[in-house]
PDB file of N, CA and C in Angstrom:
ATOM      1  N   MET A   1      64.548  80.746  10.636  1.00  0.00           N
ATOM      2  CA  MET A   1      65.626  81.809  10.934  1.00  0.00           C
ATOM      3  C   MET A   1      65.869  82.973   9.905  1.00  0.00           C
ATOM      4  N   THR A   2      65.942  83.912  10.259  1.00  0.00           N
ATOM      5  CA  THR A   2      66.145  85.141   9.021  1.00  0.00           C
ATOM      6  C   THR A   2      67.812  85.117   8.802  1.00  0.00           C
ATOM      7  N   ALA A   3      67.938  85.544   7.699  1.00  0.00           N
ATOM      8  CA  ALA A   3      69.524  85.857   7.426  1.00  0.00           C
ATOM      9  C   ALA A   3      70.281  86.533   8.309  1.00  0.00           C
ATOM     10  N   ARG A   4      69.683  87.789   8.899  1.00  0.00           N
ATOM     11  CA  ARG A   4      70.256  88.294   9.856  1.00  0.00           C
ATOM     12  C   ARG A   4      70.553  87.554  11.156  1.00  0.00           C
ATOM     13  N   GLU A   5      69.679  86.614  11.658  1.00  0.00           N
ATOM     14  CA  GLU A   5      69.791  85.785  12.580  1.00  0.00           C
ATOM     15  C   GLU A   5      70.972  84.893  12.443  1.00  0.00           C
ATOM     16  N   ARG A   6      70.883  84.214  11.187  1.00  0.00           N
ATOM     17  CA  ARG A   6      72.190  83.250  11.018  1.00  0.00           C
ATOM     18  C   ARG A   6      73.430  84.135  11.052  1.00  0.00           C
ATOM     19  N   GLU A   7      73.503  85.343  10.656  1.00  0.00           N
ATOM     20  CA  GLU A   7      74.609  86.225  10.642  1.00  0.00           C
ATOM     21  C   GLU A   7      75.052  86.332  12.141  1.00  0.00           C
ATOM     22  N   VAL A   8      73.932  86.656  13.073  1.00  0.00           N
ATOM     23  CA  VAL A   8      74.543  86.796  14.440  1.00  0.00           C
ATOM     24  C   VAL A   8      74.689  85.332  14.800  1.00  0.00           C
ATOM     25  N   LEU A   9      74.168  84.292  14.556  1.00  0.00           N
ATOM     26  CA  LEU A   9      74.596  83.055  15.184  1.00  0.00           C
ATOM     27  C   LEU A   9      75.874  82.708  14.693  1.00  0.00           C
ATOM     28  N   ILE A  10      76.529  82.865  13.679  1.00  0.00           N
ATOM     29  CA  ILE A  10      77.964  82.655  13.150  1.00  0.00           C
ATOM     30  C   ILE A  10      78.697  83.539  14.049  1.00  0.00           C
ATOM     31  N   LEU A  11      78.407  84.701  14.468  1.00  0.00           N
ATOM     32  CA  LEU A  11      79.301  85.748  15.338  1.00  0.00           C
ATOM     33  C   LEU A  11      79.397  85.217  16.801  1.00  0.00           C
ATOM     34  N   ILE A  12      77.975  84.515  17.321  1.00  0.00           N
ATOM     35  CA  ILE A  12      77.915  83.967  18.518  1.00  0.00           C
ATOM     36  C   ILE A  12      78.945  82.673  18.484  1.00  0.00           C
ATOM     37  N   ALA A  13      78.965  82.123  17.253  1.00  0.00           N
ATOM     38  CA  ALA A  13      79.772  80.807  17.378  1.00  0.00           C
ATOM     39  C   ALA A  13      81.336  81.230  17.393  1.00  0.00           C
ATOM     40  N   ASP A  14      81.775  82.272  16.818  1.00  0.00           N
ATOM     41  CA  ASP A  14      82.957  82.783  16.724  1.00  0.00           C
ATOM     42  C   ASP A  14      83.372  83.372  18.038  1.00  0.00           C
ATOM     43  N   GLY A  15      82.276  83.345  19.151  1.00  0.00           N
ATOM     44  CA  GLY A  15      82.641  83.702  20.463  1.00  0.00           C
ATOM     45  C   GLY A  15      82.481  85.392  20.622  1.00  0.00           C
ATOM     46  N   ALA A  16      81.661  85.931  19.665  1.00  0.00           N
ATOM     47  CA  ALA A  16      81.518  87.589  19.870  1.00  0.00           C
ATOM     48  C   ALA A  16      80.507  87.718  20.976  1.00  0.00           C
ATOM     49  N   THR A  17      80.773  88.869  21.756  1.00  0.00           N
ATOM     50  CA  THR A  17      80.012  89.155  22.880  1.00  0.00           C
ATOM     51  C   THR A  17      78.926  90.220  21.984  1.00  0.00           C
ATOM     52  N   ASN A  18      77.937  90.610  22.936  1.00  0.00           N
ATOM     53  CA  ASN A  18      76.793  91.452  22.271  1.00  0.00           C
ATOM     54  C   ASN A  18      77.286  92.667  21.830  1.00  0.00           C
ATOM     55  N   LYS A  19      78.212  93.320  22.603  1.00  0.00           N
ATOM     56  CA  LYS A  19      78.740  94.536  22.195  1.00  0.00           C
ATOM     57  C   LYS A  19      79.817  94.297  20.760  1.00  0.00           C
ATOM     58  N   GLU A  20      80.385  93.315  20.663  1.00  0.00           N
ATOM     59  CA  GLU A  20      81.090  92.963  19.472  1.00  0.00           C
ATOM     60  C   GLU A  20      80.267  92.856  18.108  1.00  0.00           C
ATOM     61  N   ILE A  21      79.198  91.946  18.493  1.00  0.00           N
ATOM     62  CA  ILE A  21      78.037  91.820  17.567  1.00  0.00           C
ATOM     63  C   ILE A  21      77.447  93.276  17.067  1.00  0.00           C
ATOM     64  N   ALA A  22      77.110  94.008  18.088  1.00  0.00           N
ATOM     65  CA  ALA A  22      76.410  95.136  17.630  1.00  0.00           C
ATOM     66  C   ALA A  22      77.635  96.107  16.798  1.00  0.00           C
ATOM     67  N   ALA A  23      78.892  96.040  17.180  1.00  0.00           N
ATOM     68  CA  ALA A  23      79.570  96.865  16.382  1.00  0.00           C
ATOM     69  C   ALA A  23      79.752  96.182  14.970  1.00  0.00           C
ATOM     70  N   LYS A  24      80.097  94.883  14.937  1.00  0.00           N
ATOM     71  CA  LYS A  24      80.131  94.341  13.576  1.00  0.00           C
ATOM     72  C   LYS A  24      78.940  94.496  12.648  1.00  0.00           C
ATOM     73  N   LEU A  25      77.677  94.690  13.136  1.00  0.00           N
ATOM     74  CA  LEU A  25      76.500  94.778  12.396  1.00  0.00           C
ATOM     75  C   LEU A  25      76.061  96.202  12.307  1.00  0.00           C
ATOM     76  N   VAL A  26      76.810  97.078  13.190  1.00  0.00           N
ATOM     77  CA  VAL A  26      76.315  98.552  13.045  1.00  0.00           C
ATOM     78  C   VAL A  26      74.917  98.675  13.596  1.00  0.00           C
ATOM     79  N   VAL A  27      74.465  98.076  14.805  1.00  0.00           N
ATOM     80  CA  VAL A  27      73.401  98.196  15.583  1.00  0.00           C
ATOM     81  C   VAL A  27      73.722  98.315  17.049  1.00  0.00           C
ATOM     82  N   SER A  28      72.666  98.754  17.697  1.00  0.00           N
ATOM     83  CA  SER A  28      72.835  99.050  18.925  1.00  0.00           C
ATOM     84  C   SER A  28      73.233  97.556  19.702  1.00  0.00           C
ATOM     85  N   GLU A  29      73.744  97.669  21.091  1.00  0.00           N
ATOM     86  CA  GLU A  29      74.080  96.739  21.794  1.00  0.00           C
ATOM     87  C   GLU A  29      72.653  96.101  22.188  1.00  0.00           C
ATOM     88  N   ASN A  30      71.546  96.810  22.724  1.00  0.00           N
ATOM     89  CA  ASN A  30      70.285  96.189  22.631  1.00  0.00           C
ATOM     90  C   ASN A  30      69.507  95.567  21.585  1.00  0.00           C
ATOM     91  N   THR A  31      69.986  95.924  20.359  1.00  0.00           N
ATOM     92  CA  THR A  31      69.313  95.077  19.276  1.00  0.00           C
ATOM     93  C   THR A  31      70.187  93.765  19.225  1.00  0.00           C
ATOM     94  N   ALA A  32      71.436  93.696  19.322  1.00  0.00           N
ATOM     95  CA  ALA A  32      72.213  92.664  19.217  1.00  0.00           C
ATOM     96  C   ALA A  32      71.785  91.693  20.413  1.00  0.00           C
ATOM     97  N   ARG A  33      71.443  92.134  21.524  1.00  0.00           N
ATOM     98  CA  ARG A  33      70.979  91.399  22.477  1.00  0.00           C
ATOM     99  C   ARG A  33      69.831  90.648  22.241  1.00  0.00           C
ATOM    100  N   ASN A  34      68.886  91.612  21.596  1.00  0.00           N
ATOM    101  CA  ASN A  34      67.387  91.064  21.173  1.00  0.00           C
ATOM    102  C   ASN A  34      67.690  89.863  19.948  1.00  0.00           C
ATOM    103  N   HIS A  35      68.613  90.122  19.078  1.00  0.00           N
ATOM    104  CA  HIS A  35      68.726  88.959  18.189  1.00  0.00           C
ATOM    105  C   HIS A  35      69.254  87.737  18.767  1.00  0.00           C
ATOM    106  N   VAL A  36      70.211  87.774  19.744  1.00  0.00           N
ATOM    107  CA  VAL A  36      70.559  86.569  20.447  1.00  0.00           C
ATOM    108  C   VAL A  36      69.400  86.049  20.957  1.00  0.00           C
ATOM    109  N   SER A  37      68.689  86.753  21.821  1.00  0.00           N
ATOM    110  CA  SER A  37      67.533  86.233  22.607  1.00  0.00           C
ATOM    111  C   SER A  37      66.525  85.461  21.751  1.00  0.00           C
ATOM    112  N   HIS A  38      66.229  86.130  20.495  1.00  0.00           N
ATOM    113  CA  HIS A  38      65.362  85.517  19.502  1.00  0.00           C
ATOM    114  C   HIS A  38      66.019  84.126  19.014  1.00  0.00           C
ATOM    115  N   ILE A  39      67.185  84.249  18.594  1.00  0.00           N
ATOM    116  CA  ILE A  39      67.813  82.918  18.119  1.00  0.00           C
ATOM    117  C   ILE A  39      67.930  81.913  19.296  1.00  0.00           C
ATOM    118  N   LEU A  40      67.990  82.092  20.440  1.00  0.00           N
ATOM    119  CA  LEU A  40      68.052  81.142  21.393  1.00  0.00           C
ATOM    120  C   LEU A  40      66.790  80.521  21.633  1.00  0.00           C
ATOM    121  N   GLY A  41      65.743  81.395  21.623  1.00  0.00           N
ATOM    122  CA  GLY A  41      64.228  80.955  21.657  1.00  0.00           C
ATOM    123  C   GLY A  41      63.831  80.225  20.556  1.00  0.00           C
ATOM    124  N   LYS A  42      64.250  80.531  19.411  1.00  0.00           N
ATOM    125  CA  LYS A  42      63.924  79.742  18.238  1.00  0.00           C
ATOM    126  C   LYS A  42      64.600  78.293  18.239  1.00  0.00           C
ATOM    127  N   LEU A  43      65.679  78.167  18.667  1.00  0.00           N
ATOM    128  CA  LEU A  43      66.324  77.105  18.795  1.00  0.00           C
ATOM    129  C   LEU A  43      66.208  76.035  19.875  1.00  0.00           C
ATOM    130  N   GLY A  44      65.341  76.720  20.834  1.00  0.00           N
ATOM    131  CA  GLY A  44      65.084  76.131  22.027  1.00  0.00           C
ATOM    132  C   GLY A  44      66.335  75.986  23.104  1.00  0.00           C
ATOM    133  N   PHE A  45      67.206  76.930  23.005  1.00  0.00           N
ATOM    134  CA  PHE A  45      68.424  76.876  23.811  1.00  0.00           C
ATOM    135  C   PHE A  45      68.344  77.983  24.931  1.00  0.00           C
ATOM    136  N   SER A  46      69.225  77.956  26.034  1.00  0.00           N
ATOM    137  CA  SER A  46      69.004  78.628  26.803  1.00  0.00           C
ATOM    138  C   SER A  46      70.547  79.423  27.051  1.00  0.00           C
ATOM    139  N   ARG A  47      71.606  78.736  26.386  1.00  0.00           N
ATOM    140  CA  ARG A  47      72.905  79.267  26.685  1.00  0.00           C
ATOM    141  C   ARG A  47      73.510  79.461  24.968  1.00  0.00           C
ATOM    142  N   ARG A  48      74.260  80.803  25.122  1.00  0.00           N
ATOM    143  CA  ARG A  48      75.059  80.969  23.837  1.00  0.00           C
ATOM    144  C   ARG A  48      76.000  79.870  23.374  1.00  0.00           C
ATOM    145  N   SER A  49      76.441  78.971  24.242  1.00  0.00           N
ATOM    146  CA  SER A  49      77.384  77.844  23.827  1.00  0.00           C
ATOM    147  C   SER A  49      76.628  76.677  23.106  1.00  0.00           C
ATOM    148  N   GLU A  50      75.479  76.653  23.463  1.00  0.00           N
ATOM    149  CA  GLU A  50      74.386  75.616  22.718  1.00  0.00           C
ATOM    150  C   GLU A  50      74.318  76.008  21.345  1.00  0.00           C
ATOM    151  N   ALA A  51      74.146  77.281  21.186  1.00  0.00           N
ATOM    152  CA  ALA A  51      73.680  77.864  19.982  1.00  0.00           C
ATOM    153  C   ALA A  51      74.976  77.667  19.079  1.00  0.00           C
ATOM    154  N   ALA A  52      76.207  77.981  19.690  1.00  0.00           N
ATOM    155  CA  ALA A  52      77.561  77.987  19.091  1.00  0.00           C
ATOM    156  C   ALA A  52      77.738  76.312  18.481  1.00  0.00           C
ATOM    157  N   ALA A  53      77.407  75.710  19.665  1.00  0.00           N
ATOM    158  CA  ALA A  53      77.655  74.211  19.257  1.00  0.00           C
ATOM    159  C   ALA A  53      76.607  73.735  17.873  1.00  0.00           C
ATOM    160  N   TYR A  54      75.545  74.439  17.904  1.00  0.00           N
ATOM    161  CA  TYR A  54      74.363  74.008  16.807  1.00  0.00           C
ATOM    162  C   TYR A  54      74.991  74.624  15.540  1.00  0.00           C
ATOM    163  N   ALA A  55      75.550  75.741  15.609  1.00  0.00           N
ATOM    164  CA  ALA A  55      76.206  76.492  14.249  1.00  0.00           C
ATOM    165  C   ALA A  55      77.151  75.592  13.583  1.00  0.00           C
ATOM    166  N   VAL A  56      77.934  75.018  14.510  1.00  0.00           N
ATOM    167  CA  VAL A  56      79.282  74.163  14.171  1.00  0.00           C
ATOM    168  C   VAL A  56      78.759  72.714  13.581  1.00  0.00           C
ATOM    169  N   LYS A  57      77.821  72.241  14.153  1.00  0.00           N
ATOM    170  CA  LYS A  57      76.962  71.074  13.770  1.00  0.00           C
ATOM    171  C   LYS A  57      76.227  71.302  12.499  1.00  0.00           C
ATOM    172  N   LYS A  58      75.850  72.294  12.231  1.00  0.00           N
ATOM    173  CA  LYS A  58      75.056  72.715  10.806  1.00  0.00           C
ATOM    174  C   LYS A  58      76.142  73.080   9.790  1.00  0.00           C
ATOM    175  N   GLY A  59      77.286  73.064  10.380  1.00  0.00           N
ATOM    176  CA  GLY A  59      78.327  73.593   9.193  1.00  0.00           C
ATOM    177  C   GLY A  59      78.305  75.217   8.874  1.00  0.00           C
ATOM    178  N   LEU A  60      77.612  75.954   9.639  1.00  0.00           N
ATOM    179  CA  LEU A  60      77.965  77.309   9.717  1.00  0.00           C
ATOM    180  C   LEU A  60      79.038  78.032   9.633  1.00  0.00           C
ATOM    181  N   VAL A  61      79.913  77.452  10.718  1.00  0.00           N
ATOM    182  CA  VAL A  61      81.316  77.602  11.111  1.00  0.00           C
ATOM    183  C   VAL A  61      82.084  76.538  10.942  1.00  0.00           C
ATOM    184  N   LYS A  62      83.463  76.752  11.013  1.00  0.00           N
ATOM    185  CA  LYS A  62      84.391  75.569  11.182  1.00  0.00           C
ATOM    186  C   LYS A  62      84.544  75.769  12.508  1.00  0.00           C
ATOM    187  N   GLU A  63      84.875  74.372  13.355  1.00  0.00           N
ATOM    188  CA  GLU A  63      85.413  74.293  14.714  1.00  0.00           C
ATOM    189  C   GLU A  63      86.526  75.045  15.028  1.00  0.00           C
TER     190      GLU A  63
END
């Protein structure tokens, strides 16, 4: 996973929407959506909540 994808994963775990991720990272909403999609694919998940739980489990964010 790239550094940018880890950054997006942390935002997902914080409950950010694609629009919020885009604003925070100064990218388009489509780019944010693509990052989320790639992260889910790499981790083998189909839901953002699974990715968020993974981030907490790996210590990327606090519960």
